[in-house]
Amino acid sequence: MELLSAACNVLLVLVFGAAAVGKVRTSASLTAFAEAVVVLGRVPTRRAGAVAKGIVALEAATALLLLIPPLRSTGLLLATVLLAAFTLVVARALRSRVPVSCRCFGGSAGPLGPPQLTRNAVLLLGVLGAAPGALDPGPLVWQAQFTAWLGGAVAALVLVTGEELIALLRRPTAHTTLRH
């Protein structure tokens, strides 16, 4: 159980870290995220930049809190709140059928859809999986720590690049063929 908990914690650290870094990597990616915040969050344009920066700060804080064992439970609580909010926003956007780009990790311009809901559900399961380690972090030998980091990193890579992986598996259409 300790190994699973540690791997789930690594998954969350890397996903929230990648989300924060991806959004502030360039000024264009932060601007694109702020534009998505206007559409998704029904935020006035004049406040979108501040709200976008606030979300990035919360994502970065989540990743950092999850790295510090005494603060891990606070990080899990923040992760739960953020994931619940993100899931509600995605569900509302899908219900309204307003086409909007995800911008979840900064660069991806793919539209919101069921994959984002699935990703958020997996991450919420990751919070549940990481919880026992936050309450009672037992010592792991270095081999177990390595295994947890490797497993968490692979899972994070799949979740962060999931949209691209799905696009690779789809049959090319005239629309996608002409774009590239």
Protein backbone atom coordinates (compact mmCIF):
# COMPACT_ATOMS: atom_id res chain seq x y z
CA MET A 1 0.00 0.00 0.00
CA GLU A 2 2.88 2.36 0.75
CA LEU A 3 4.28 1.86 -2.74
CA LEU A 4 0.93 2.61 -4.41
CA SER A 5 0.45 5.65 -2.20
CA ALA A 6 3.90 6.98 -3.07
CA ALA A 7 3.34 6.36 -6.81
CA CYS A 8 0.00 8.21 -6.69
CA ASN A 9 1.68 11.10 -4.90
CA VAL A 10 4.38 11.27 -7.59
CA LEU A 11 1.68 11.21 -10.28
CA LEU A 12 -0.05 14.20 -8.70
CA VAL A 13 3.19 16.14 -8.15
CA LEU A 14 4.21 15.72 -11.78
CA VAL A 15 0.79 16.43 -13.30
CA PHE A 16 0.17 19.57 -11.25
CA GLY A 17 3.76 20.67 -11.81
CA ALA A 18 3.48 20.12 -15.57
CA ALA A 19 0.18 22.00 -15.67
CA ALA A 20 1.66 25.01 -13.87
CA VAL A 21 4.90 25.08 -15.86
CA GLY A 22 3.14 24.50 -19.17
CA LYS A 23 0.88 27.49 -18.64
CA VAL A 24 3.71 29.92 -17.81
CA ARG A 25 6.35 28.49 -20.16
CA THR A 26 5.76 31.35 -22.59
CA SER A 27 3.72 34.52 -22.42
CA ALA A 28 1.65 33.18 -25.33
CA SER A 29 0.70 30.05 -23.38
CA LEU A 30 -0.35 32.12 -20.36
CA THR A 31 -2.35 34.46 -22.60
CA ALA A 32 -4.05 31.49 -24.30
CA PHE A 33 -4.91 30.03 -20.89
CA ALA A 34 -6.33 33.39 -19.76
CA GLU A 35 -8.51 33.46 -22.89
CA ALA A 36 -9.76 29.96 -22.08
CA VAL A 37 -10.53 31.12 -18.52
CA VAL A 38 -12.81 33.82 -19.96
CA VAL A 39 -14.83 31.26 -21.89
CA LEU A 40 -14.73 28.42 -19.37
CA GLY A 41 -14.96 30.29 -16.11
CA ARG A 42 -17.19 33.11 -17.24
CA VAL A 43 -14.57 35.53 -15.97
CA PRO A 44 -14.52 39.13 -17.26
CA THR A 45 -11.67 39.72 -19.71
CA ARG A 46 -10.10 42.38 -17.48
CA ARG A 47 -9.73 39.84 -14.63
CA ALA A 48 -8.77 36.81 -16.72
CA GLY A 49 -5.02 37.35 -16.37
CA ALA A 50 -5.20 37.52 -12.58
CA VAL A 51 -7.48 34.48 -12.38
CA ALA A 52 -5.22 32.51 -14.73
CA LYS A 53 -2.14 33.40 -12.65
CA GLY A 54 -4.03 32.43 -9.49
CA ILE A 55 -4.88 29.02 -10.93
CA VAL A 56 -1.24 28.50 -11.94
CA ALA A 57 -0.11 29.49 -8.43
CA LEU A 58 -2.56 27.00 -6.89
CA GLU A 59 -1.35 24.23 -9.20
CA ALA A 60 2.29 24.97 -8.34
CA ALA A 61 1.46 25.15 -4.62
CA THR A 62 -0.28 21.78 -4.87
CA ALA A 63 2.80 20.17 -6.40
CA LEU A 64 5.09 21.70 -3.78
CA LEU A 65 2.86 20.78 -0.83
CA LEU A 66 2.71 17.18 -2.04
CA LEU A 67 6.52 17.03 -1.96
CA ILE A 68 6.73 17.93 1.74
CA PRO A 69 5.58 14.99 3.89
CA PRO A 70 4.16 17.05 6.80
CA LEU A 71 2.17 19.18 4.31
CA ARG A 72 1.08 16.36 2.00
CA SER A 73 -2.47 16.16 3.39
CA THR A 74 -2.91 19.89 2.69
CA GLY A 75 -1.66 19.29 -0.85
CA LEU A 76 -4.14 16.46 -1.31
CA LEU A 77 -6.98 18.66 -0.09
CA LEU A 78 -5.96 21.40 -2.52
CA ALA A 79 -5.65 18.84 -5.33
CA THR A 80 -9.15 17.56 -4.58
CA VAL A 81 -10.65 21.05 -4.64
CA LEU A 82 -8.88 21.98 -7.88
CA LEU A 83 -9.79 18.73 -9.62
CA ALA A 84 -13.42 19.02 -8.55
CA ALA A 85 -13.55 22.60 -9.86
CA PHE A 86 -11.83 21.65 -13.13
CA THR A 87 -14.20 18.72 -13.60
CA LEU A 88 -17.26 20.92 -13.05
CA VAL A 89 -15.96 23.51 -15.52
CA VAL A 90 -15.27 20.87 -18.17
CA ALA A 91 -18.70 19.26 -17.64
CA ARG A 92 -20.41 22.65 -17.92
CA ALA A 93 -18.51 23.43 -21.12
CA LEU A 94 -19.46 20.08 -22.63
CA ARG A 95 -23.11 20.60 -21.70
CA SER A 96 -23.17 24.07 -23.25
CA ARG A 97 -21.45 22.76 -26.40
CA VAL A 98 -19.28 25.86 -26.60
CA PRO A 99 -16.10 24.84 -28.40
CA VAL A 100 -13.11 25.84 -26.30
CA SER A 101 -9.53 24.65 -26.19
CA CYS A 102 -8.32 22.82 -23.12
CA ARG A 103 -5.04 24.64 -22.42
CA CYS A 104 -4.78 22.37 -19.36
CA PHE A 105 -1.03 22.00 -19.87
CA GLY A 106 -0.43 25.26 -21.69
CA GLY A 107 0.28 24.23 -25.25
CA SER A 108 -2.49 21.84 -26.21
CA ALA A 109 -5.14 23.51 -28.29
CA GLY A 110 -7.44 20.51 -28.61
CA PRO A 111 -11.07 20.98 -27.67
CA LEU A 112 -12.42 19.97 -24.29
CA GLY A 113 -14.13 16.63 -24.28
CA PRO A 114 -14.59 13.34 -22.47
CA PRO A 115 -10.82 12.69 -22.28
CA GLN A 116 -10.43 15.61 -19.86
CA LEU A 117 -13.23 14.27 -17.67
CA THR A 118 -11.59 10.85 -17.70
CA ARG A 119 -8.20 12.34 -16.84
CA ASN A 120 -9.69 14.25 -13.92
CA ALA A 121 -11.43 11.10 -12.66
CA VAL A 122 -8.11 9.22 -12.78
CA LEU A 123 -6.41 12.06 -10.90
CA LEU A 124 -9.14 12.04 -8.25
CA LEU A 125 -8.50 8.31 -7.86
CA GLY A 126 -4.83 9.23 -7.51
CA VAL A 127 -5.74 11.52 -4.61
CA LEU A 128 -7.51 8.60 -2.94
CA GLY A 129 -4.52 6.38 -3.59
CA ALA A 130 -2.08 8.92 -2.15
CA ALA A 131 -4.13 9.60 0.99
CA PRO A 132 -2.84 6.70 3.14
CA GLY A 133 0.75 7.86 2.61
CA ALA A 134 -0.16 11.39 3.67
CA LEU A 135 -1.70 10.17 6.90
CA ASP A 136 1.04 7.67 7.76
CA PRO A 137 4.07 7.98 5.49
CA GLY A 138 6.00 4.82 6.14
CA PRO A 139 9.66 4.55 5.19
CA LEU A 140 10.36 3.06 1.78
CA VAL A 141 13.68 1.50 0.83
CA TRP A 142 15.38 3.18 -2.09
CA GLN A 143 14.26 0.48 -4.52
CA ALA A 144 10.63 1.07 -3.58
CA GLN A 145 11.08 4.84 -3.83
CA PHE A 146 12.59 4.41 -7.29
CA THR A 147 9.74 2.14 -8.34
CA ALA A 148 7.16 4.62 -7.03
CA TRP A 149 8.80 7.51 -8.90
CA LEU A 150 9.07 5.48 -12.08
CA GLY A 151 5.46 4.31 -11.93
CA GLY A 152 4.15 7.76 -11.05
CA ALA A 153 6.23 9.36 -13.81
CA VAL A 154 4.97 6.95 -16.47
CA ALA A 155 1.36 7.49 -15.38
CA ALA A 156 1.88 11.28 -15.38
CA LEU A 157 3.42 11.14 -18.85
CA VAL A 158 0.40 9.25 -20.16
CA LEU A 159 -2.06 11.68 -18.56
CA VAL A 160 -0.20 14.83 -19.62
CA THR A 161 0.30 13.68 -23.21
CA GLY A 162 -2.96 11.75 -23.44
CA GLU A 163 -4.53 14.05 -26.02
CA GLU A 164 -1.54 13.62 -28.33
CA LEU A 165 -1.58 9.85 -27.80
CA ILE A 166 -5.29 9.69 -28.67
CA ALA A 167 -4.67 11.80 -31.79
CA LEU A 168 -1.94 9.38 -32.90
CA LEU A 169 -4.31 6.43 -32.59
CA ARG A 170 -7.17 8.01 -34.54
CA ARG A 171 -7.56 7.46 -38.23
CA PRO A 172 -6.48 10.49 -40.22
CA THR A 173 -9.32 12.48 -41.70
CA ALA A 174 -9.23 14.98 -44.52
CA HIS A 175 -9.36 17.75 -41.91
CA THR A 176 -6.41 16.47 -39.85
CA THR A 177 -4.38 15.47 -42.91
CA LEU A 178 -4.64 18.94 -44.44
CA ARG A 179 -3.66 20.63 -41.18
CA HIS A 180 -0.29 18.90 -40.99
